[in-house]
Amino acid sequence: MNWERVRLGEVCNMKSGGTPSRKKSSFFGGNIKWCKISDIENATEGIVYDTEEKITEEGLSDINGRIFSEGTLLLAMYGSVGKVAFINERMSVNQAILGINIKNLDILDSKFLYYWFIGERRNLLNKAVGVTLKNISKGIVESLTIPLPPMSVQKEIVEKLDKAAAIREKSKVLLAHYDALAESLFIELFGDPISNEKGWEKTNIKDICDIKGGKRVPLKHKLVKYDTGLPYIKAGNIKNGKITLDDLEYLLPETQKMIARYIVDEGDVCITVAGTIGNVGIVPKELDKANLTENANKFVIKHEERLSNYFLCYLFQTEFIQEQIRKRTMAVGVPKLAIFRIEELEIPLPPLSLQVKFAEMVENIEEQKARAKAEIEQSEAVFQALLQESFG
């Protein structure tokens, strides 16, 4: 595709936003939408409809009236470099965001520009500088060159990518639906654990589970990326009710011998207890007999006729338990949750038959989620292929 290429600064006007001083509370809490990068990340189908924070007219004046019109394309310049979204109405943005407006809509379609930026993100990330927080400048963005095919071709490309993006978005919505379904099933079967309106028996964790800690890798010993057959579960592997195989690291045989007692079994529920506190997950069969980090504990159910691991894992993800955990976490230095504090946690104990019924329902939902995730991966691959085909 030998289309003419032009510097972005020649065809677009750009300006960054601003952040009112946090020292003045009167600058915040108004009715002017003020967009941050997190709002771009949470955009719905590429459009920011609302913002987490709002500023006042006084706050807007503090950033020299930096306001952007409906349809402005926002580009993240810090952190999530290259993320883009449109705004659906007049709003302000912070200093980490660049507002982009096309000078002549007869030669460049705004949606074409949007998709081009998505395809260009890797290039932007490579241009980013900074050690702790990667960033790009307005000058870098202005110097980028964009292909400029005839408007009819731009419209064709946009239509094709819109269809691919819609399929991708549909799969994501379906996945979110399954997550909400599991939560609603929990409430339907067991009620709100905070109010315990169904009057279930309650007990402390220590009365129904033993809690055992993991073990750190000994000094001068290291984890390796290649599979030695001796996986080591880190805190980062425990999240969203699962223990994932993503970024898994392994022990060497001589290292594993030194911490051989600190292992988990398939079906164990594990919880993170240092740094990010309270993430839980169930050990899959692939990680049976894996070693566990010192930053996590495992629950060993003493009375299997009274408690199922699925119920325990899901219960620990509820606000009822998470609030108890927050109150018991030591926040000096690196946050930590001691074993004796976990043992104090109070949980409801509905009939095991009901817990098992919930587990069966969740397993079915997980199967549907796995299909939805596969569809997302497939639709994402198609979308990326079309981007490559469209922009080279």
Protein backbone atom coordinates (compact mmCIF):
# COMPACT_ATOMS: atom_id res chain seq x y z
CA MET A 1 0.00 0.00 0.00
CA ASN A 2 1.94 3.00 -1.28
CA TRP A 3 -0.32 5.66 0.15
CA GLU A 4 0.92 9.16 0.84
CA ARG A 5 2.12 9.58 4.42
CA VAL A 6 1.91 12.85 6.32
CA ARG A 7 3.17 14.03 9.69
CA LEU A 8 0.42 13.83 12.27
CA GLY A 9 1.19 17.37 13.38
CA GLU A 10 0.30 18.63 9.90
CA VAL A 11 -3.22 17.19 9.90
CA CYS A 12 -4.14 17.36 13.62
CA ASN A 13 -4.25 19.93 16.39
CA MET A 14 -3.01 18.63 19.73
CA LYS A 15 -2.83 19.85 23.30
CA SER A 16 -2.43 18.17 26.66
CA GLY A 17 -4.72 18.53 29.64
CA GLY A 18 -3.93 19.66 33.15
CA THR A 19 -4.39 18.70 36.79
CA PRO A 20 -5.75 21.22 39.30
CA SER A 21 -3.82 21.51 42.53
CA ARG A 22 -4.79 18.75 44.97
CA LYS A 23 -4.10 21.17 47.78
CA LYS A 24 -7.38 22.98 47.14
CA SER A 25 -10.49 20.90 47.75
CA SER A 26 -12.58 23.61 46.06
CA PHE A 27 -11.09 22.56 42.71
CA PHE A 28 -12.74 19.13 42.86
CA GLY A 29 -16.28 17.83 43.26
CA GLY A 30 -17.91 20.03 40.65
CA ASN A 31 -19.85 19.01 37.55
CA ILE A 32 -17.12 19.27 34.89
CA LYS A 33 -16.00 15.82 33.79
CA TRP A 34 -12.24 15.43 34.20
CA CYS A 35 -10.76 12.44 32.38
CA LYS A 36 -7.82 10.40 33.67
CA ILE A 37 -6.01 7.49 32.00
CA SER A 38 -8.07 5.03 34.05
CA ASP A 39 -11.18 6.48 32.39
CA ILE A 40 -9.66 5.80 28.96
CA GLU A 41 -8.88 2.24 30.04
CA ASN A 42 -12.51 1.80 31.17
CA ALA A 43 -14.00 3.31 28.02
CA THR A 44 -17.02 1.56 26.52
CA GLU A 45 -16.32 0.51 22.93
CA GLY A 46 -13.71 3.24 22.60
CA ILE A 47 -15.82 6.06 24.07
CA VAL A 48 -15.49 7.79 27.47
CA TYR A 49 -19.01 8.55 28.68
CA ASP A 50 -18.26 9.45 32.28
CA THR A 51 -15.28 10.14 34.53
CA GLU A 52 -14.34 9.00 38.01
CA GLU A 53 -13.59 12.55 39.13
CA LYS A 54 -15.13 15.91 38.35
CA ILE A 55 -13.75 19.41 38.80
CA THR A 56 -15.25 22.83 39.44
CA GLU A 57 -15.12 25.96 37.30
CA GLU A 58 -12.45 27.18 39.72
CA GLY A 59 -10.47 23.99 39.13
CA LEU A 60 -10.81 24.42 35.38
CA SER A 61 -9.50 27.96 35.68
CA ASP A 62 -6.48 26.61 37.60
CA ILE A 63 -5.49 24.59 34.50
CA ASN A 64 -6.06 27.55 32.17
CA GLY A 65 -9.44 26.38 30.93
CA ARG A 66 -8.12 23.23 29.25
CA ILE A 67 -11.38 21.81 27.94
CA PHE A 68 -11.99 19.53 24.97
CA SER A 69 -14.96 19.33 22.63
CA GLU A 70 -17.18 16.33 21.89
CA GLY A 71 -15.48 13.86 19.56
CA THR A 72 -11.92 14.71 20.63
CA LEU A 73 -9.63 11.67 20.49
CA LEU A 74 -7.71 11.19 23.73
CA LEU A 75 -4.27 9.55 23.76
CA ALA A 76 -2.56 8.33 26.95
CA MET A 77 1.00 9.68 27.16
CA TYR A 78 1.98 8.20 30.54
CA GLY A 79 1.81 4.67 31.93
CA SER A 80 -0.66 3.04 29.55
CA VAL A 81 1.09 4.73 26.64
CA GLY A 82 -0.88 4.66 23.39
CA LYS A 83 -4.33 3.82 24.76
CA VAL A 84 -6.99 5.85 22.92
CA ALA A 85 -10.66 6.73 23.26
CA PHE A 86 -13.11 9.40 22.11
CA ILE A 87 -15.09 11.62 24.47
CA ASN A 88 -18.83 11.79 23.92
CA GLU A 89 -19.22 15.30 25.30
CA ARG A 90 -17.26 18.38 26.35
CA MET A 91 -14.84 17.54 29.17
CA SER A 92 -11.45 18.29 30.66
CA VAL A 93 -8.52 15.87 30.94
CA ASN A 94 -5.39 15.57 33.05
CA GLN A 95 -1.81 16.35 32.03
CA ALA A 96 -1.03 12.71 31.14
CA ILE A 97 -3.47 12.83 28.21
CA LEU A 98 -3.17 14.42 24.79
CA GLY A 99 -6.33 15.70 23.11
CA ILE A 100 -6.26 15.31 19.32
CA ASN A 101 -8.57 17.02 16.81
CA ILE A 102 -8.39 16.60 13.03
CA LYS A 103 -7.92 19.86 11.12
CA ASN A 104 -9.77 18.76 7.97
CA LEU A 105 -12.29 15.91 8.24
CA ASP A 106 -12.50 15.78 4.44
CA ILE A 107 -9.04 14.24 4.23
CA LEU A 108 -8.80 12.20 7.47
CA ASP A 109 -11.58 10.19 9.10
CA SER A 110 -11.58 10.29 12.91
CA LYS A 111 -12.33 6.56 13.28
CA PHE A 112 -9.56 5.76 10.79
CA LEU A 113 -7.20 7.76 13.03
CA TYR A 114 -8.47 5.88 16.09
CA TYR A 115 -7.78 2.46 14.58
CA TRP A 116 -4.42 3.63 13.24
CA PHE A 117 -3.37 4.57 16.78
CA ILE A 118 -4.39 1.11 18.04
CA GLY A 119 -2.19 -0.45 15.38
CA GLU A 120 0.61 2.01 16.18
CA ARG A 121 0.67 1.34 19.93
CA ARG A 122 3.70 -0.96 19.90
CA ASN A 123 5.68 1.72 18.08
CA LEU A 124 4.61 4.31 20.66
CA LEU A 125 5.65 2.02 23.51
CA ASN A 126 9.06 1.62 21.91
CA LYS A 127 9.43 5.41 21.77
CA ALA A 128 8.42 5.86 25.41
CA VAL A 129 11.07 7.00 27.88
CA GLY A 130 11.35 6.97 31.65
CA VAL A 131 12.37 4.44 34.29
CA THR A 132 9.48 4.22 36.75
CA LEU A 133 6.75 5.60 34.47
CA LYS A 134 7.10 5.32 30.70
CA ASN A 135 5.90 8.36 28.77
CA ILE A 136 5.86 10.01 25.38
CA SER A 137 5.74 13.70 24.48
CA LYS A 138 3.45 15.76 22.27
CA GLY A 139 6.44 16.27 19.96
CA ILE A 140 6.84 12.53 19.46
CA VAL A 141 3.17 12.17 18.54
CA GLU A 142 3.29 15.12 16.15
CA SER A 143 6.30 13.61 14.36
CA LEU A 144 4.55 10.30 13.62
CA THR A 145 3.59 9.76 9.99
CA ILE A 146 0.16 8.40 9.12
CA PRO A 147 -0.92 6.89 5.78
CA LEU A 148 -3.52 9.00 3.98
CA PRO A 149 -5.51 6.88 1.50
CA PRO A 150 -8.58 8.31 -0.29
CA MET A 151 -11.53 8.92 2.03
CA SER A 152 -13.49 6.08 0.38
CA VAL A 153 -10.70 3.64 1.32
CA GLN A 154 -10.55 5.00 4.87
CA LYS A 155 -14.30 4.39 5.23
CA GLU A 156 -13.93 0.82 3.95
CA ILE A 157 -11.15 0.10 6.44
CA VAL A 158 -13.17 1.59 9.30
CA GLU A 159 -16.24 -0.49 8.40
CA LYS A 160 -14.18 -3.68 8.30
CA LEU A 161 -12.50 -2.96 11.64
CA ASP A 162 -15.79 -1.88 13.25
CA LYS A 163 -17.26 -5.30 12.47
CA ALA A 164 -14.23 -7.13 13.87
CA ALA A 165 -14.22 -4.94 16.98
CA ALA A 166 -17.94 -5.58 17.55
CA ILE A 167 -17.37 -9.35 17.54
CA ARG A 168 -14.51 -8.94 20.00
CA GLU A 169 -16.62 -6.73 22.27
CA LYS A 170 -19.54 -9.18 22.19
CA SER A 171 -17.29 -11.95 23.54
CA LYS A 172 -16.04 -9.66 26.33
CA VAL A 173 -19.60 -8.77 27.32
CA LEU A 174 -20.47 -12.47 27.43
CA LEU A 175 -17.51 -13.16 29.73
CA ALA A 176 -18.60 -10.37 32.08
CA HIS A 177 -22.11 -11.86 32.07
CA TYR A 178 -20.76 -15.21 33.30
CA ASP A 179 -18.84 -13.48 36.11
CA ALA A 180 -22.01 -11.69 37.21
CA LEU A 181 -23.99 -14.95 36.96
CA ALA A 182 -21.71 -16.73 39.45
CA GLU A 183 -22.11 -13.84 41.90
CA SER A 184 -25.90 -13.82 41.58
CA LEU A 185 -26.05 -17.60 42.07
CA PHE A 186 -24.04 -17.27 45.27
CA ILE A 187 -26.47 -14.67 46.65
CA GLU A 188 -29.48 -16.69 45.49
CA LEU A 189 -28.32 -19.86 47.24
CA PHE A 190 -26.67 -18.47 50.35
CA GLY A 191 -28.02 -14.96 50.76
CA ASP A 192 -25.94 -11.95 51.75
CA PRO A 193 -23.18 -13.24 54.08
CA ILE A 194 -23.07 -9.87 55.85
CA SER A 195 -26.68 -9.96 57.05
CA ASN A 196 -26.87 -13.79 57.03
CA GLU A 197 -30.63 -13.52 56.56
CA LYS A 198 -30.84 -17.28 56.05
CA GLY A 199 -29.49 -17.88 59.53
CA TRP A 200 -26.61 -20.22 58.66
CA GLU A 201 -24.38 -21.53 61.42
CA LYS A 202 -21.19 -19.46 61.77
CA THR A 203 -17.71 -20.56 62.79
CA ASN A 204 -14.16 -19.30 62.91
CA ILE A 205 -11.80 -20.54 60.22
CA LYS A 206 -9.54 -22.20 62.81
CA ASP A 207 -12.40 -24.50 63.83
CA ILE A 208 -12.82 -25.95 60.37
CA CYS A 209 -9.46 -25.43 58.62
CA ASP A 210 -5.78 -25.71 59.38
CA ILE A 211 -3.73 -22.93 57.81
CA LYS A 212 -0.23 -23.65 56.62
CA GLY A 213 2.30 -21.20 55.23
CA GLY A 214 4.58 -21.44 52.22
CA LYS A 215 8.35 -21.05 52.14
CA ARG A 216 10.69 -18.60 50.47
CA VAL A 217 13.40 -19.75 48.10
CA PRO A 218 16.60 -20.12 50.19
CA LEU A 219 19.29 -17.47 49.86
CA LYS A 220 21.63 -17.88 46.87
CA HIS A 221 19.07 -20.13 45.19
CA LYS A 222 17.03 -18.88 42.24
CA LEU A 223 13.88 -19.73 40.38
CA VAL A 224 14.16 -20.59 36.69
CA LYS A 225 11.79 -19.97 33.79
CA TYR A 226 12.17 -23.38 32.14
CA ASP A 227 10.12 -26.37 33.28
CA THR A 228 12.04 -28.55 35.74
CA GLY A 229 8.91 -30.39 36.80
CA LEU A 230 9.04 -28.53 40.14
CA PRO A 231 6.68 -25.52 39.88
CA TYR A 232 6.75 -22.75 42.46
CA ILE A 233 3.52 -20.84 43.07
CA LYS A 234 4.12 -17.12 43.64
CA ALA A 235 1.61 -14.61 44.99
CA GLY A 236 1.15 -13.23 41.47
CA ASN A 237 -0.13 -16.60 40.30
CA ILE A 238 -3.05 -16.41 42.77
CA LYS A 239 -5.92 -14.21 41.58
CA ASN A 240 -9.62 -14.14 40.69
CA GLY A 241 -10.38 -17.46 42.36
CA LYS A 242 -7.70 -19.32 40.39
CA ILE A 243 -4.06 -20.25 40.54
CA THR A 244 -2.80 -19.58 37.05
CA LEU A 245 0.01 -21.12 35.04
CA ASP A 246 0.87 -17.71 33.57
CA ASP A 247 4.47 -16.61 34.23
CA LEU A 248 5.05 -19.75 36.27
CA GLU A 249 8.58 -20.28 37.56
CA TYR A 250 10.32 -23.47 38.69
CA LEU A 251 12.70 -24.78 41.33
CA LEU A 252 15.88 -26.69 40.63
CA PRO A 253 15.92 -30.18 42.27
CA GLU A 254 18.57 -29.22 44.84
CA THR A 255 16.54 -26.17 45.85
CA GLN A 256 13.26 -28.08 46.10
CA LYS A 257 14.83 -30.57 48.52
CA MET A 258 15.43 -27.73 50.96
CA ILE A 259 11.73 -26.69 51.05
CA ALA A 260 10.12 -30.00 50.12
CA ARG A 261 7.58 -29.89 52.97
CA TYR A 262 5.95 -26.65 51.80
CA ILE A 263 3.76 -28.01 49.03
CA VAL A 264 0.11 -27.79 48.01
CA ASP A 265 -2.30 -30.45 46.80
CA GLU A 266 -4.83 -30.29 44.00
CA GLY A 267 -7.98 -28.61 45.29
CA ASP A 268 -6.30 -26.65 48.09
CA VAL A 269 -7.49 -23.08 48.53
CA CYS A 270 -4.58 -20.60 48.79
CA ILE A 271 -4.60 -16.97 49.92
CA THR A 272 -2.02 -14.21 49.48
CA VAL A 273 -0.84 -12.79 52.82
CA ALA A 274 1.84 -10.20 51.93
CA GLY A 275 1.84 -7.22 49.57
CA THR A 276 -1.49 -7.68 47.80
CA ILE A 277 -3.58 -9.27 50.54
CA GLY A 278 -6.58 -11.57 50.21
CA ASN A 279 -6.35 -12.91 46.66
CA VAL A 280 -7.49 -16.53 46.60
CA GLY A 281 -7.38 -19.44 44.19
CA ILE A 282 -7.83 -23.21 43.98
CA VAL A 283 -4.83 -25.37 43.09
CA PRO A 284 -5.42 -27.04 39.69
CA LYS A 285 -4.29 -30.60 38.96
CA GLU A 286 -1.33 -29.25 36.94
CA LEU A 287 0.10 -27.79 40.18
CA ASP A 288 -0.50 -30.74 42.49
CA LYS A 289 2.53 -31.03 44.84
CA ALA A 290 3.89 -27.62 43.73
CA ASN A 291 5.79 -25.52 46.27
CA LEU A 292 4.12 -22.43 47.70
CA THR A 293 5.62 -18.97 48.25
CA GLU A 294 6.07 -17.58 51.75
CA ASN A 295 3.70 -14.78 50.70
CA ALA A 296 0.73 -17.17 50.66
CA ASN A 297 -0.98 -19.68 52.93
CA LYS A 298 -3.09 -22.72 52.15
CA PHE A 299 -6.28 -23.90 53.84
CA VAL A 300 -6.46 -27.57 54.81
CA ILE A 301 -10.12 -28.39 55.41
CA LYS A 302 -10.46 -30.51 58.57
CA HIS A 303 -14.15 -31.30 58.19
CA GLU A 304 -14.90 -32.06 54.53
CA GLU A 305 -18.41 -33.10 55.49
CA ARG A 306 -19.08 -29.47 56.44
CA LEU A 307 -17.10 -27.32 53.98
CA SER A 308 -16.27 -27.49 50.26
CA ASN A 309 -13.24 -25.83 48.71
CA TYR A 310 -15.30 -24.12 45.97
CA PHE A 311 -17.57 -22.50 48.52
CA LEU A 312 -14.62 -21.43 50.67
CA CYS A 313 -12.78 -19.94 47.68
CA TYR A 314 -15.79 -18.00 46.45
CA LEU A 315 -16.72 -16.85 49.96
CA PHE A 316 -13.25 -15.33 50.38
CA GLN A 317 -13.83 -13.18 47.31
CA THR A 318 -16.93 -11.55 48.83
CA GLU A 319 -16.86 -8.15 50.48
CA PHE A 320 -17.96 -9.87 53.72
CA ILE A 321 -14.58 -11.62 54.04
CA GLN A 322 -12.46 -8.97 52.32
CA GLU A 323 -13.60 -6.35 54.84
CA GLN A 324 -12.64 -8.67 57.72
CA ILE A 325 -9.24 -9.15 56.09
CA ARG A 326 -8.66 -5.41 55.69
CA LYS A 327 -9.36 -4.86 59.39
CA ARG A 328 -6.83 -7.53 60.35
CA THR A 329 -4.02 -6.59 57.97
CA MET A 330 -0.89 -5.05 59.46
CA ALA A 331 -0.16 -1.97 57.33
CA VAL A 332 3.32 -1.12 58.66
CA GLY A 333 5.81 -1.38 55.78
CA VAL A 334 4.75 -4.21 53.47
CA PRO A 335 1.12 -5.16 54.32
CA LYS A 336 0.93 -8.61 55.95
CA LEU A 337 -1.81 -10.89 57.20
CA ALA A 338 -0.69 -13.20 60.00
CA ILE A 339 -1.98 -16.77 60.25
CA PHE A 340 -3.57 -16.14 63.64
CA ARG A 341 -5.51 -13.25 62.10
CA ILE A 342 -6.85 -15.50 59.35
CA GLU A 343 -7.87 -18.05 61.97
CA GLU A 344 -10.08 -15.38 63.58
CA LEU A 345 -12.12 -14.85 60.40
CA GLU A 346 -15.78 -15.79 60.79
CA ILE A 347 -17.57 -17.64 58.00
CA PRO A 348 -21.12 -18.96 57.50
CA LEU A 349 -21.58 -22.72 57.05
CA PRO A 350 -24.63 -23.54 54.91
CA PRO A 351 -25.44 -27.24 54.33
CA LEU A 352 -22.74 -29.10 52.39
CA SER A 353 -25.33 -30.27 49.85
CA LEU A 354 -25.99 -26.62 48.97
CA GLN A 355 -22.26 -25.89 48.77
CA VAL A 356 -21.81 -28.86 46.40
CA LYS A 357 -24.72 -27.66 44.27
CA PHE A 358 -23.05 -24.26 43.99
CA ALA A 359 -19.72 -25.88 43.06
CA GLU A 360 -21.39 -27.83 40.24
CA MET A 361 -23.01 -24.65 38.94
CA VAL A 362 -19.72 -22.77 39.10
CA GLU A 363 -17.90 -25.55 37.25
CA ASN A 364 -20.48 -25.29 34.46
CA ILE A 365 -20.08 -21.51 34.36
CA GLU A 366 -16.29 -21.91 34.20
CA GLU A 367 -16.68 -24.18 31.16
CA GLN A 368 -18.76 -21.48 29.46
CA LYS A 369 -16.20 -18.84 30.45
CA ALA A 370 -13.40 -20.92 28.94
CA ARG A 371 -15.30 -21.00 25.64
CA ALA A 372 -15.88 -17.24 25.82
CA LYS A 373 -12.17 -16.64 26.50
CA ALA A 374 -11.26 -18.78 23.50
CA GLU A 375 -13.66 -16.72 21.38
CA ILE A 376 -12.04 -13.51 22.68
CA GLU A 377 -8.58 -14.79 21.75
CA GLN A 378 -9.80 -15.78 18.29
CA SER A 379 -11.60 -12.49 17.65
CA GLU A 380 -8.59 -10.55 18.96
CA ALA A 381 -6.32 -12.42 16.55
CA VAL A 382 -8.66 -11.58 13.66
CA PHE A 383 -8.80 -7.93 14.73
CA GLN A 384 -5.00 -7.65 14.96
CA ALA A 385 -4.59 -9.33 11.56
CA LEU A 386 -6.98 -6.81 10.02
CA LEU A 387 -5.04 -3.94 11.63
CA GLN A 388 -1.84 -5.28 10.12
CA GLU A 389 -3.50 -5.73 6.75
CA SER A 390 -4.99 -2.23 6.84
CA PHE A 391 -1.98 -0.25 8.03
CA GLY A 392 1.01 -2.51 7.30
